Amino acid sequence: ILILAIALFIVIARSTKNILEAKHRTQLYDEISSEYQAYKTKSNEQQRKLARELQDERNIVEELKGRI
């Protein structure tokens, strides 16, 4: 019975360690995921800004071509 109790303790200790490791990895994933979402949002805003500026310049060029 003592051997079974020791084996049970070892199994429980390993399971607890694995559960804690899984929680830690999940937390890291959540942090990285939120950072990536923030990066995507910032990148999309920057692309929209550049697209608007490009369109403004195209409009200026077309306007100048129309004057000639």
C-alpha atoms as a PDB file:
ATOM      1  CA  ILE A   1       0.000   0.000   0.000  1.00  0.00           C
ATOM      2  CA  LEU A   2       2.897   2.332   0.772  1.00  0.00           C
ATOM      3  CA  ILE A   3       4.266   1.864  -2.771  1.00  0.00           C
ATOM      4  CA  LEU A   4       0.853   2.667  -4.274  1.00  0.00           C
ATOM      5  CA  ALA A   5       0.587   5.781  -2.095  1.00  0.00           C
ATOM      6  CA  ILE A   6       4.026   6.953  -3.233  1.00  0.00           C
ATOM      7  CA  ALA A   7       3.124   6.250  -6.875  1.00  0.00           C
ATOM      8  CA  LEU A   8      -0.143   8.173  -6.451  1.00  0.00           C
ATOM      9  CA  PHE A   9       1.732  11.104  -4.916  1.00  0.00           C
ATOM     10  CA  ILE A  10       4.197  11.132  -7.829  1.00  0.00           C
ATOM     11  CA  VAL A  11       1.362  11.073 -10.379  1.00  0.00           C
ATOM     12  CA  ILE A  12      -0.476  13.887  -8.608  1.00  0.00           C
ATOM     13  CA  ALA A  13       2.714  15.971  -8.338  1.00  0.00           C
ATOM     14  CA  ARG A  14       3.466  15.567 -12.038  1.00  0.00           C
ATOM     15  CA  SER A  15      -0.119  16.372 -12.988  1.00  0.00           C
ATOM     16  CA  THR A  16      -0.053  19.518 -10.866  1.00  0.00           C
ATOM     17  CA  LYS A  17       3.223  20.580 -12.468  1.00  0.00           C
ATOM     18  CA  ASN A  18       1.801  20.015 -15.954  1.00  0.00           C
ATOM     19  CA  ILE A  19      -1.371  21.936 -15.141  1.00  0.00           C
ATOM     20  CA  LEU A  20       0.646  24.898 -13.878  1.00  0.00           C
ATOM     21  CA  GLU A  21       2.831  24.805 -16.984  1.00  0.00           C
ATOM     22  CA  ALA A  22      -0.261  24.734 -19.214  1.00  0.00           C
ATOM     23  CA  LYS A  23      -1.725  27.756 -17.403  1.00  0.00           C
ATOM     24  CA  HIS A  24       1.559  29.622 -17.806  1.00  0.00           C
ATOM     25  CA  ARG A  25       1.722  28.821 -21.536  1.00  0.00           C
ATOM     26  CA  THR A  26      -1.908  29.877 -21.974  1.00  0.00           C
ATOM     27  CA  GLN A  27      -1.170  33.186 -20.267  1.00  0.00           C
ATOM     28  CA  LEU A  28       1.841  33.767 -22.533  1.00  0.00           C
ATOM     29  CA  TYR A  29      -0.273  32.949 -25.588  1.00  0.00           C
ATOM     30  CA  ASP A  30      -2.958  35.408 -24.487  1.00  0.00           C
ATOM     31  CA  GLU A  31      -0.357  38.156 -24.032  1.00  0.00           C
ATOM     32  CA  ILE A  32       1.194  37.525 -27.436  1.00  0.00           C
ATOM     33  CA  SER A  33      -2.228  37.341 -29.045  1.00  0.00           C
ATOM     34  CA  SER A  34      -3.275  40.704 -27.597  1.00  0.00           C
ATOM     35  CA  GLU A  35       0.022  42.277 -28.702  1.00  0.00           C
ATOM     36  CA  TYR A  36      -0.506  40.912 -32.210  1.00  0.00           C
ATOM     37  CA  GLN A  37      -4.059  42.269 -32.352  1.00  0.00           C
ATOM     38  CA  ALA A  38      -2.774  45.703 -31.304  1.00  0.00           C
ATOM     39  CA  TYR A  39      -0.079  45.491 -33.981  1.00  0.00           C
ATOM     40  CA  LYS A  40      -2.645  44.541 -36.631  1.00  0.00           C
ATOM     41  CA  THR A  41      -4.900  47.431 -35.650  1.00  0.00           C
ATOM     42  CA  LYS A  42      -2.028  49.918 -35.757  1.00  0.00           C
ATOM     43  CA  SER A  43      -0.828  48.530 -39.075  1.00  0.00           C
ATOM     44  CA  ASN A  44      -4.293  48.756 -40.638  1.00  0.00           C
ATOM     45  CA  GLU A  45      -4.660  52.359 -39.493  1.00  0.00           C
ATOM     46  CA  GLN A  46      -1.260  53.208 -40.951  1.00  0.00           C
ATOM     47  CA  GLN A  47      -2.152  51.560 -44.263  1.00  0.00           C
ATOM     48  CA  ARG A  48      -5.425  53.489 -44.439  1.00  0.00           C
ATOM     49  CA  LYS A  49      -3.584  56.743 -43.748  1.00  0.00           C
ATOM     50  CA  LEU A  50      -1.042  56.031 -46.489  1.00  0.00           C
ATOM     51  CA  ALA A  51      -3.818  55.046 -48.910  1.00  0.00           C
ATOM     52  CA  ARG A  52      -5.610  58.348 -48.245  1.00  0.00           C
ATOM     53  CA  GLU A  53      -2.408  60.307 -48.768  1.00  0.00           C
ATOM     54  CA  LEU A  54      -1.734  58.425 -52.006  1.00  0.00           C
ATOM     55  CA  GLN A  55      -5.253  59.124 -53.233  1.00  0.00           C
ATOM     56  CA  ASP A  56      -4.849  62.814 -52.362  1.00  0.00           C
ATOM     57  CA  GLU A  57      -1.672  62.952 -54.422  1.00  0.00           C
ATOM     58  CA  ARG A  58      -3.359  61.145 -57.315  1.00  0.00           C
ATOM     59  CA  ASN A  59      -6.190  63.668 -57.188  1.00  0.00           C
ATOM     60  CA  ILE A  60      -3.701  66.535 -57.284  1.00  0.00           C
ATOM     61  CA  VAL A  61      -1.959  65.001 -60.305  1.00  0.00           C
ATOM     62  CA  GLU A  62      -5.277  64.502 -62.106  1.00  0.00           C
ATOM     63  CA  GLU A  63      -6.282  68.052 -61.306  1.00  0.00           C
ATOM     64  CA  LEU A  64      -3.013  69.389 -62.710  1.00  0.00           C
ATOM     65  CA  LYS A  65      -3.399  67.250 -65.835  1.00  0.00           C
ATOM     66  CA  GLY A  66      -6.908  68.646 -66.321  1.00  0.00           C
ATOM     67  CA  ARG A  67      -5.618  72.230 -66.287  1.00  0.00           C
ATOM     68  CA  ILE A  68      -3.273  71.621 -69.187  1.00  0.00           C
END
